[in-house]
PDB file of N, CA and C in Angstrom:
ATOM      1  N   MET A   1      61.861   5.349  58.003  1.00  0.00           N
ATOM      2  CA  MET A   1      61.468   4.229  57.176  1.00  0.00           C
ATOM      3  C   MET A   1      61.733   4.542  55.710  1.00  0.00           C
ATOM      4  N   ARG A   2      62.316   3.601  55.082  1.00  0.00           N
ATOM      5  CA  ARG A   2      62.648   3.758  53.678  1.00  0.00           C
ATOM      6  C   ARG A   2      61.686   2.973  52.815  1.00  0.00           C
ATOM      7  N   GLN A   3      61.308   3.565  51.654  1.00  0.00           N
ATOM      8  CA  GLN A   3      60.451   2.829  50.716  1.00  0.00           C
ATOM      9  C   GLN A   3      61.305   1.864  49.922  1.00  0.00           C
ATOM     10  N   ARG A   4      60.680   0.792  49.573  1.00  0.00           N
ATOM     11  CA  ARG A   4      61.399  -0.160  48.732  1.00  0.00           C
ATOM     12  C   ARG A   4      61.441   0.358  47.307  1.00  0.00           C
ATOM     13  N   ALA A   5      62.319  -0.245  46.500  1.00  0.00           N
ATOM     14  CA  ALA A   5      62.489   0.186  45.111  1.00  0.00           C
ATOM     15  C   ALA A   5      61.211  -0.031  44.316  1.00  0.00           C
ATOM     16  N   GLY A   6      60.476  -1.086  44.622  1.00  0.00           N
ATOM     17  CA  GLY A   6      59.224  -1.362  43.904  1.00  0.00           C
ATOM     18  C   GLY A   6      58.183  -0.287  44.129  1.00  0.00           C
ATOM     19  N   ALA A   7      58.113   0.231  45.349  1.00  0.00           N
ATOM     20  CA  ALA A   7      57.149   1.282  45.667  1.00  0.00           C
ATOM     21  C   ALA A   7      57.503   2.573  44.935  1.00  0.00           C
ATOM     22  N   GLN A   8      58.784   2.867  44.835  1.00  0.00           N
ATOM     23  CA  GLN A   8      59.197   4.078  44.131  1.00  0.00           C
ATOM     24  C   GLN A   8      58.880   3.979  42.639  1.00  0.00           C
ATOM     25  N   SER A   9      59.104   2.816  42.069  1.00  0.00           N
ATOM     26  CA  SER A   9      58.829   2.686  40.638  1.00  0.00           C
ATOM     27  C   SER A   9      57.321   2.732  40.364  1.00  0.00           C
ATOM     28  N   ARG A  10      56.526   2.221  41.315  1.00  0.00           N
ATOM     29  CA  ARG A  10      55.068   2.315  41.152  1.00  0.00           C
ATOM     30  C   ARG A  10      54.602   3.763  41.220  1.00  0.00           C
ATOM     31  N   SER A  11      55.124   4.499  42.172  1.00  0.00           N
ATOM     32  CA  SER A  11      54.705   5.898  42.290  1.00  0.00           C
ATOM     33  C   SER A  11      55.155   6.703  41.073  1.00  0.00           C
ATOM     34  N   LYS A  12      56.316   6.376  40.559  1.00  0.00           N
ATOM     35  CA  LYS A  12      56.788   7.047  39.350  1.00  0.00           C
ATOM     36  C   LYS A  12      55.881   6.707  38.164  1.00  0.00           C
ATOM     37  N   ALA A  13      55.475   5.443  38.062  1.00  0.00           N
ATOM     38  CA  ALA A  13      54.588   5.023  36.974  1.00  0.00           C
ATOM     39  C   ALA A  13      53.236   5.714  37.084  1.00  0.00           C
ATOM     40  N   VAL A  14      52.719   5.828  38.306  1.00  0.00           N
ATOM     41  CA  VAL A  14      51.432   6.509  38.514  1.00  0.00           C
ATOM     42  C   VAL A  14      51.544   7.969  38.086  1.00  0.00           C
ATOM     43  N   LYS A  15      52.634   8.622  38.438  1.00  0.00           N
ATOM     44  CA  LYS A  15      52.828  10.030  38.053  1.00  0.00           C
ATOM     45  C   LYS A  15      52.918  10.176  36.532  1.00  0.00           C
ATOM     46  N   GLU A  16      53.593   9.229  35.888  1.00  0.00           N
ATOM     47  CA  GLU A  16      53.681   9.268  34.421  1.00  0.00           C
ATOM     48  C   GLU A  16      52.306   9.072  33.781  1.00  0.00           C
ATOM     49  N   ILE A  17      51.527   8.153  34.354  1.00  0.00           N
ATOM     50  CA  ILE A  17      50.177   7.920  33.825  1.00  0.00           C
ATOM     51  C   ILE A  17      49.322   9.165  34.011  1.00  0.00           C
ATOM     52  N   GLN A  18      49.410   9.794  35.177  1.00  0.00           N
ATOM     53  CA  GLN A  18      48.639  11.017  35.422  1.00  0.00           C
ATOM     54  C   GLN A  18      49.037  12.128  34.462  1.00  0.00           C
ATOM     55  N   ALA A  19      50.322  12.263  34.208  1.00  0.00           N
ATOM     56  CA  ALA A  19      50.778  13.291  33.266  1.00  0.00           C
ATOM     57  C   ALA A  19      50.274  12.977  31.853  1.00  0.00           C
ATOM     58  N   GLY A  20      50.307  11.705  31.473  1.00  0.00           N
ATOM     59  CA  GLY A  20      49.809  11.325  30.154  1.00  0.00           C
ATOM     60  C   GLY A  20      48.327  11.596  30.010  1.00  0.00           C
ATOM     61  N   LEU A  21      47.561  11.296  31.073  1.00  0.00           N
ATOM     62  CA  LEU A  21      46.117  11.563  31.038  1.00  0.00           C
ATOM     63  C   LEU A  21      45.843  13.064  30.948  1.00  0.00           C
ATOM     64  N   LYS A  22      46.661  13.852  31.633  1.00  0.00           N
ATOM     65  CA  LYS A  22      46.492  15.308  31.574  1.00  0.00           C
ATOM     66  C   LYS A  22      46.729  15.817  30.151  1.00  0.00           C
ATOM     67  N   ARG A  23      47.794  15.300  29.496  1.00  0.00           N
ATOM     68  CA  ARG A  23      48.073  15.689  28.103  1.00  0.00           C
ATOM     69  C   ARG A  23      46.944  15.243  27.173  1.00  0.00           C
ATOM     70  N   LEU A  24      46.459  14.038  27.401  1.00  0.00           N
ATOM     71  CA  LEU A  24      45.369  13.512  26.576  1.00  0.00           C
ATOM     72  C   LEU A  24      44.102  14.345  26.744  1.00  0.00           C
ATOM     73  N   SER A  25      43.808  14.716  27.978  1.00  0.00           N
ATOM     74  CA  SER A  25      42.639  15.546  28.255  1.00  0.00           C
ATOM     75  C   SER A  25      42.743  16.896  27.543  1.00  0.00           C
ATOM     76  N   ARG A  26      43.919  17.501  27.601  1.00  0.00           N
ATOM     77  CA  ARG A  26      44.130  18.785  26.922  1.00  0.00           C
ATOM     78  C   ARG A  26      43.963  18.632  25.414  1.00  0.00           C
ATOM     79  N   GLY A  27      44.487  17.532  24.878  1.00  0.00           N
ATOM     80  CA  GLY A  27      44.349  17.286  23.448  1.00  0.00           C
ATOM     81  C   GLY A  27      42.898  17.153  23.036  1.00  0.00           C
ATOM     82  N   PHE A  28      42.106  16.455  23.858  1.00  0.00           N
ATOM     83  CA  PHE A  28      40.679  16.308  23.552  1.00  0.00           C
ATOM     84  C   PHE A  28      39.958  17.647  23.610  1.00  0.00           C
ATOM     85  N   ARG A  29      40.321  18.480  24.589  1.00  0.00           N
ATOM     86  CA  ARG A  29      39.700  19.814  24.672  1.00  0.00           C
ATOM     87  C   ARG A  29      39.995  20.629  23.426  1.00  0.00           C
ATOM     88  N   LEU A  30      41.242  20.608  22.972  1.00  0.00           N
ATOM     89  CA  LEU A  30      41.609  21.350  21.768  1.00  0.00           C
ATOM     90  C   LEU A  30      40.898  20.799  20.542  1.00  0.00           C
ATOM     91  N   LEU A  31      40.827  19.493  20.450  1.00  0.00           N
ATOM     92  CA  LEU A  31      40.144  18.870  19.322  1.00  0.00           C
ATOM     93  C   LEU A  31      38.662  19.219  19.316  1.00  0.00           C
ATOM     94  N   THR A  32      38.043  19.184  20.494  1.00  0.00           N
ATOM     95  CA  THR A  32      36.627  19.548  20.605  1.00  0.00           C
ATOM     96  C   THR A  32      36.400  20.972  20.130  1.00  0.00           C
ATOM     97  N   ARG A  33      37.277  21.867  20.541  1.00  0.00           N
ATOM     98  CA  ARG A  33      37.154  23.264  20.139  1.00  0.00           C
ATOM     99  C   ARG A  33      37.236  23.395  18.615  1.00  0.00           C
ATOM    100  N   GLU A  34      38.195  22.700  18.018  1.00  0.00           N
ATOM    101  CA  GLU A  34      38.351  22.767  16.564  1.00  0.00           C
ATOM    102  C   GLU A  34      37.128  22.214  15.839  1.00  0.00           C
ATOM    103  N   VAL A  35      36.619  21.095  16.323  1.00  0.00           N
ATOM    104  CA  VAL A  35      35.458  20.480  15.685  1.00  0.00           C
ATOM    105  C   VAL A  35      34.252  21.394  15.779  1.00  0.00           C
ATOM    106  N   LEU A  36      34.034  21.983  16.945  1.00  0.00           N
ATOM    107  CA  LEU A  36      32.896  22.892  17.108  1.00  0.00           C
ATOM    108  C   LEU A  36      33.030  24.133  16.236  1.00  0.00           C
ATOM    109  N   GLU A  37      34.239  24.664  16.130  1.00  0.00           N
ATOM    110  CA  GLU A  37      34.444  25.832  15.266  1.00  0.00           C
ATOM    111  C   GLU A  37      34.183  25.481  13.809  1.00  0.00           C
ATOM    112  N   GLU A  38      34.625  24.310  13.388  1.00  0.00           N
ATOM    113  CA  GLU A  38      34.407  23.869  12.009  1.00  0.00           C
ATOM    114  C   GLU A  38      32.918  23.679  11.733  1.00  0.00           C
ATOM    115  N   ALA A  39      32.202  23.119  12.704  1.00  0.00           N
ATOM    116  CA  ALA A  39      30.769  22.889  12.519  1.00  0.00           C
ATOM    117  C   ALA A  39      29.998  24.208  12.487  1.00  0.00           C
ATOM    118  N   ALA A  40      30.499  25.211  13.186  1.00  0.00           N
ATOM    119  CA  ALA A  40      29.798  26.494  13.253  1.00  0.00           C
ATOM    120  C   ALA A  40      29.981  27.323  11.985  1.00  0.00           C
ATOM    121  N   ARG A  41      31.024  27.024  11.209  1.00  0.00           N
ATOM    122  CA  ARG A  41      31.260  27.801   9.985  1.00  0.00           C
ATOM    123  C   ARG A  41      30.166  27.508   8.957  1.00  0.00           C
ATOM    124  N   PRO A  42      29.666  28.543   8.347  1.00  0.00           N
ATOM    125  CA  PRO A  42      28.656  28.296   7.322  1.00  0.00           C
ATOM    126  C   PRO A  42      29.286  27.675   6.073  1.00  0.00           C
ATOM    127  N   GLY A  43      28.566  26.747   5.469  1.00  0.00           N
ATOM    128  CA  GLY A  43      29.054  26.136   4.242  1.00  0.00           C
ATOM    129  C   GLY A  43      28.784  27.046   3.064  1.00  0.00           C
ATOM    130  N   ASN A  44      29.098  26.590   1.901  1.00  0.00           N
ATOM    131  CA  ASN A  44      28.871  27.425   0.734  1.00  0.00           C
ATOM    132  C   ASN A  44      27.411  27.396   0.293  1.00  0.00           C
ATOM    133  N   GLY A  45      26.598  26.524   0.872  1.00  0.00           N
ATOM    134  CA  GLY A  45      25.169  26.531   0.612  1.00  0.00           C
ATOM    135  C   GLY A  45      24.757  25.883  -0.692  1.00  0.00           C
ATOM    136  N   ARG A  46      25.723  25.475  -1.483  1.00  0.00           N
ATOM    137  CA  ARG A  46      25.368  24.866  -2.756  1.00  0.00           C
ATOM    138  C   ARG A  46      25.319  23.364  -2.603  1.00  0.00           C
ATOM    139  N   GLY A  47      24.216  22.796  -3.012  1.00  0.00           N
ATOM    140  CA  GLY A  47      24.103  21.353  -3.006  1.00  0.00           C
ATOM    141  C   GLY A  47      24.431  20.816  -4.382  1.00  0.00           C
ATOM    142  N   ARG A  48      24.173  19.585  -4.550  1.00  0.00           N
ATOM    143  CA  ARG A  48      24.424  18.946  -5.832  1.00  0.00           C
ATOM    144  C   ARG A  48      23.349  19.376  -6.832  1.00  0.00           C
ATOM    145  N   ARG A  49      23.741  19.630  -8.037  1.00  0.00           N
ATOM    146  CA  ARG A  49      22.785  20.043  -9.063  1.00  0.00           C
ATOM    147  C   ARG A  49      21.979  18.835  -9.515  1.00  0.00           C
ATOM    148  N   ILE A  50      20.656  18.984  -9.465  1.00  0.00           N
ATOM    149  CA  ILE A  50      19.756  17.894  -9.846  1.00  0.00           C
ATOM    150  C   ILE A  50      19.006  18.325 -11.092  1.00  0.00           C
ATOM    151  N   SER A  51      18.944  17.426 -12.054  1.00  0.00           N
ATOM    152  CA  SER A  51      18.250  17.766 -13.291  1.00  0.00           C
ATOM    153  C   SER A  51      16.742  17.877 -13.022  1.00  0.00           C
ATOM    154  N   PRO A  52      16.049  18.693 -13.794  1.00  0.00           N
ATOM    155  CA  PRO A  52      14.607  18.864 -13.590  1.00  0.00           C
ATOM    156  C   PRO A  52      13.837  17.543 -13.705  1.00  0.00           C
ATOM    157  N   GLY A  53      14.237  16.697 -14.635  1.00  0.00           N
ATOM    158  CA  GLY A  53      13.545  15.414 -14.791  1.00  0.00           C
ATOM    159  C   GLY A  53      13.695  14.536 -13.565  1.00  0.00           C
ATOM    160  N   ARG A  54      14.893  14.538 -12.991  1.00  0.00           N
ATOM    161  CA  ARG A  54      15.122  13.738 -11.788  1.00  0.00           C
ATOM    162  C   ARG A  54      14.329  14.286 -10.608  1.00  0.00           C
ATOM    163  N   ARG A  55      14.243  15.603 -10.525  1.00  0.00           N
ATOM    164  CA  ARG A  55      13.468  16.225  -9.449  1.00  0.00           C
ATOM    165  C   ARG A  55      11.991  15.849  -9.557  1.00  0.00           C
ATOM    166  N   ILE A  56      11.449  15.898 -10.761  1.00  0.00           N
ATOM    167  CA  ILE A  56      10.043  15.541 -10.969  1.00  0.00           C
ATOM    168  C   ILE A  56       9.827  14.062 -10.662  1.00  0.00           C
ATOM    169  N   HIS A  57      10.755  13.209 -11.094  1.00  0.00           N
ATOM    170  CA  HIS A  57      10.624  11.787 -10.822  1.00  0.00           C
ATOM    171  C   HIS A  57      10.646  11.521  -9.303  1.00  0.00           C
ATOM    172  N   GLY A  58      11.513  12.220  -8.576  1.00  0.00           N
ATOM    173  CA  GLY A  58      11.560  12.070  -7.119  1.00  0.00           C
ATOM    174  C   GLY A  58      10.267  12.501  -6.455  1.00  0.00           C
ATOM    175  N   ARG A  59       9.682  13.572  -6.956  1.00  0.00           N
ATOM    176  CA  ARG A  59       8.398  14.039  -6.432  1.00  0.00           C
ATOM    177  C   ARG A  59       7.316  12.997  -6.692  1.00  0.00           C
ATOM    178  N   TYR A  60       7.310  12.438  -7.890  1.00  0.00           N
ATOM    179  CA  TYR A  60       6.335  11.401  -8.260  1.00  0.00           C
ATOM    180  C   TYR A  60       6.478  10.179  -7.351  1.00  0.00           C
ATOM    181  N   ILE A  61       7.712   9.689  -7.189  1.00  0.00           N
ATOM    182  CA  ILE A  61       7.953   8.509  -6.363  1.00  0.00           C
ATOM    183  C   ILE A  61       7.572   8.777  -4.908  1.00  0.00           C
ATOM    184  N   GLY A  62       7.904   9.962  -4.415  1.00  0.00           N
ATOM    185  CA  GLY A  62       7.561  10.312  -3.039  1.00  0.00           C
ATOM    186  C   GLY A  62       6.072  10.350  -2.794  1.00  0.00           C
ATOM    187  N   LEU A  63       5.312  10.770  -3.785  1.00  0.00           N
ATOM    188  CA  LEU A  63       3.858  10.821  -3.626  1.00  0.00           C
ATOM    189  C   LEU A  63       3.219   9.444  -3.779  1.00  0.00           C
ATOM    190  N   ILE A  64       3.708   8.663  -4.706  1.00  0.00           N
ATOM    191  CA  ILE A  64       3.079   7.377  -4.998  1.00  0.00           C
ATOM    192  C   ILE A  64       3.439   6.311  -3.949  1.00  0.00           C
ATOM    193  N   ARG A  65       4.536   6.511  -3.242  1.00  0.00           N
ATOM    194  CA  ARG A  65       5.061   5.500  -2.314  1.00  0.00           C
ATOM    195  C   ARG A  65       4.044   5.049  -1.273  1.00  0.00           C
ATOM    196  N   ASN A  66       3.311   5.987  -0.684  1.00  0.00           N
ATOM    197  CA  ASN A  66       2.434   5.646   0.436  1.00  0.00           C
ATOM    198  C   ASN A  66       0.986   5.434   0.034  1.00  0.00           C
ATOM    199  N   LEU A  67       0.721   5.393  -1.258  1.00  0.00           N
ATOM    200  CA  LEU A  67      -0.644   5.138  -1.692  1.00  0.00           C
ATOM    201  C   LEU A  67      -0.942   3.638  -1.666  1.00  0.00           C
ATOM    202  N   PRO A  68      -2.207   3.282  -1.461  1.00  0.00           N
ATOM    203  CA  PRO A  68      -2.583   1.873  -1.555  1.00  0.00           C
ATOM    204  C   PRO A  68      -2.402   1.363  -2.990  1.00  0.00           C
ATOM    205  N   VAL A  69      -2.379   0.054  -3.146  1.00  0.00           N
ATOM    206  CA  VAL A  69      -2.062  -0.574  -4.429  1.00  0.00           C
ATOM    207  C   VAL A  69      -3.019  -0.123  -5.536  1.00  0.00           C
ATOM    208  N   ARG A  70      -4.304  -0.070  -5.264  1.00  0.00           N
ATOM    209  CA  ARG A  70      -5.268   0.333  -6.308  1.00  0.00           C
ATOM    210  C   ARG A  70      -5.065   1.777  -6.752  1.00  0.00           C
ATOM    211  N   GLN A  71      -4.808   2.637  -5.808  1.00  0.00           N
ATOM    212  CA  GLN A  71      -4.577   4.039  -6.171  1.00  0.00           C
ATOM    213  C   GLN A  71      -3.268   4.190  -6.943  1.00  0.00           C
ATOM    214  N   LYS A  72      -2.253   3.407  -6.573  1.00  0.00           N
ATOM    215  CA  LYS A  72      -0.996   3.435  -7.325  1.00  0.00           C
ATOM    216  C   LYS A  72      -1.240   3.030  -8.765  1.00  0.00           C
ATOM    217  N   ALA A  73      -2.059   2.018  -8.966  1.00  0.00           N
ATOM    218  CA  ALA A  73      -2.347   1.544 -10.322  1.00  0.00           C
ATOM    219  C   ALA A  73      -3.026   2.650 -11.136  1.00  0.00           C
ATOM    220  N   LYS A  74      -3.945   3.368 -10.498  1.00  0.00           N
ATOM    221  CA  LYS A  74      -4.630   4.460 -11.202  1.00  0.00           C
ATOM    222  C   LYS A  74      -3.640   5.572 -11.584  1.00  0.00           C
ATOM    223  N   VAL A  75      -2.750   5.905 -10.656  1.00  0.00           N
ATOM    224  CA  VAL A  75      -1.770   6.966 -10.922  1.00  0.00           C
ATOM    225  C   VAL A  75      -0.826   6.536 -12.042  1.00  0.00           C
ATOM    226  N   ARG A  76      -0.392   5.269 -12.016  1.00  0.00           N
ATOM    227  CA  ARG A  76       0.505   4.770 -13.062  1.00  0.00           C
ATOM    228  C   ARG A  76      -0.171   4.790 -14.432  1.00  0.00           C
ATOM    229  N   ALA A  77      -1.444   4.424 -14.451  1.00  0.00           N
ATOM    230  CA  ALA A  77      -2.171   4.435 -15.724  1.00  0.00           C
ATOM    231  C   ALA A  77      -2.280   5.859 -16.258  1.00  0.00           C
ATOM    232  N   LEU A  78      -2.568   6.810 -15.360  1.00  0.00           N
ATOM    233  CA  LEU A  78      -2.664   8.210 -15.787  1.00  0.00           C
ATOM    234  C   LEU A  78      -1.294   8.714 -16.268  1.00  0.00           C
ATOM    235  N   ARG A  79      -0.236   8.276 -15.605  1.00  0.00           N
ATOM    236  CA  ARG A  79       1.104   8.685 -16.036  1.00  0.00           C
ATOM    237  C   ARG A  79       1.392   8.181 -17.449  1.00  0.00           C
ATOM    238  N   ALA A  80       0.981   6.973 -17.736  1.00  0.00           N
ATOM    239  CA  ALA A  80       1.209   6.421 -19.067  1.00  0.00           C
ATOM    240  C   ALA A  80       0.408   7.188 -20.122  1.00  0.00           C
ATOM    241  N   ARG A  81      -0.806   7.607 -19.769  1.00  0.00           N
ATOM    242  CA  ARG A  81      -1.654   8.306 -20.728  1.00  0.00           C
ATOM    243  C   ARG A  81      -1.297   9.784 -20.875  1.00  0.00           C
ATOM    244  N   ARG A  82      -1.162  10.490 -19.730  1.00  0.00           N
ATOM    245  CA  ARG A  82      -1.075  11.949 -19.799  1.00  0.00           C
ATOM    246  C   ARG A  82       0.225  12.552 -19.279  1.00  0.00           C
ATOM    247  N   GLY A  83       1.112  11.727 -18.725  1.00  0.00           N
ATOM    248  CA  GLY A  83       2.405  12.252 -18.302  1.00  0.00           C
ATOM    249  C   GLY A  83       2.568  12.365 -16.789  1.00  0.00           C
ATOM    250  N   VAL A  84       3.769  12.711 -16.414  1.00  0.00           N
ATOM    251  CA  VAL A  84       4.134  12.727 -15.000  1.00  0.00           C
ATOM    252  C   VAL A  84       3.440  13.853 -14.242  1.00  0.00           C
ATOM    253  N   GLU A  85       3.353  15.025 -14.830  1.00  0.00           N
ATOM    254  CA  GLU A  85       2.748  16.160 -14.132  1.00  0.00           C
ATOM    255  C   GLU A  85       1.300  15.862 -13.742  1.00  0.00           C
ATOM    256  N   ALA A  86       0.538  15.292 -14.656  1.00  0.00           N
ATOM    257  CA  ALA A  86      -0.851  14.942 -14.348  1.00  0.00           C
ATOM    258  C   ALA A  86      -0.904  13.867 -13.262  1.00  0.00           C
ATOM    259  N   ALA A  87       0.018  12.914 -13.319  1.00  0.00           N
ATOM    260  CA  ALA A  87       0.043  11.858 -12.307  1.00  0.00           C
ATOM    261  C   ALA A  87       0.377  12.433 -10.929  1.00  0.00           C
ATOM    262  N   ILE A  88       1.273  13.411 -10.891  1.00  0.00           N
ATOM    263  CA  ILE A  88       1.621  14.049  -9.616  1.00  0.00           C
ATOM    264  C   ILE A  88       0.413  14.774  -9.040  1.00  0.00           C
ATOM    265  N   LYS A  89      -0.312  15.497  -9.884  1.00  0.00           N
ATOM    266  CA  LYS A  89      -1.512  16.195  -9.411  1.00  0.00           C
ATOM    267  C   LYS A  89      -2.528  15.212  -8.853  1.00  0.00           C
ATOM    268  N   MET A  90      -2.734  14.110  -9.563  1.00  0.00           N
ATOM    269  CA  MET A  90      -3.701  13.109  -9.121  1.00  0.00           C
ATOM    270  C   MET A  90      -3.239  12.464  -7.799  1.00  0.00           C
ATOM    271  N   ALA A  91      -1.962  12.171  -7.666  1.00  0.00           N
ATOM    272  CA  ALA A  91      -1.441  11.556  -6.447  1.00  0.00           C
ATOM    273  C   ALA A  91      -1.597  12.501  -5.256  1.00  0.00           C
ATOM    274  N   ARG A  92      -1.409  13.806  -5.485  1.00  0.00           N
ATOM    275  CA  ARG A  92      -1.603  14.773  -4.401  1.00  0.00           C
ATOM    276  C   ARG A  92      -3.052  14.790  -3.933  1.00  0.00           C
ATOM    277  N   VAL A  93      -3.970  14.767  -4.887  1.00  0.00           N
ATOM    278  CA  VAL A  93      -5.398  14.759  -4.533  1.00  0.00           C
ATOM    279  C   VAL A  93      -5.729  13.480  -3.763  1.00  0.00           C
ATOM    280  N   MET A  94      -5.217  12.346  -4.227  1.00  0.00           N
ATOM    281  CA  MET A  94      -5.491  11.072  -3.546  1.00  0.00           C
ATOM    282  C   MET A  94      -4.884  11.051  -2.151  1.00  0.00           C
ATOM    283  N   ARG A  95      -3.725  11.638  -2.002  1.00  0.00           N
ATOM    284  CA  ARG A  95      -3.068  11.662  -0.695  1.00  0.00           C
ATOM    285  C   ARG A  95      -3.888  12.467   0.297  1.00  0.00           C
ATOM    286  N   ARG A  96      -4.464  13.571  -0.150  1.00  0.00           N
ATOM    287  CA  ARG A  96      -5.276  14.414   0.738  1.00  0.00           C
ATOM    288  C   ARG A  96      -6.585  13.735   1.112  1.00  0.00           C
ATOM    289  N   SER A  97      -7.163  12.973   0.204  1.00  0.00           N
ATOM    290  CA  SER A  97      -8.480  12.386   0.443  1.00  0.00           C
ATOM    291  C   SER A  97      -8.428  11.117   1.285  1.00  0.00           C
ATOM    292  N   ARG A  98      -7.234  10.610   1.551  1.00  0.00           N
ATOM    293  CA  ARG A  98      -7.138   9.385   2.358  1.00  0.00           C
ATOM    294  C   ARG A  98      -7.499   9.596   3.787  1.00  0.00           C
TER     295      ARG A  98
END
């Protein structure tokens, strides 16, 4: 029994698809290896330089964010009178007492 021409071309196409999938699979394995190796390398450890004023402001905002409205008002008033450092201390005390 002889196969028809259509059957031969289908089997050839299937073999080509299988070979392509095999190449693609190998490529993904190599890529995965490279990505994992890159992720495992230690970075230089240096982050972006932040000015001291910005750092203090971030600390202030982080503390005041979760306070109730009345306590926020008290902290803001103290900041206006005595400065950010005093307001941060007061916000920390208020955060603990909640």
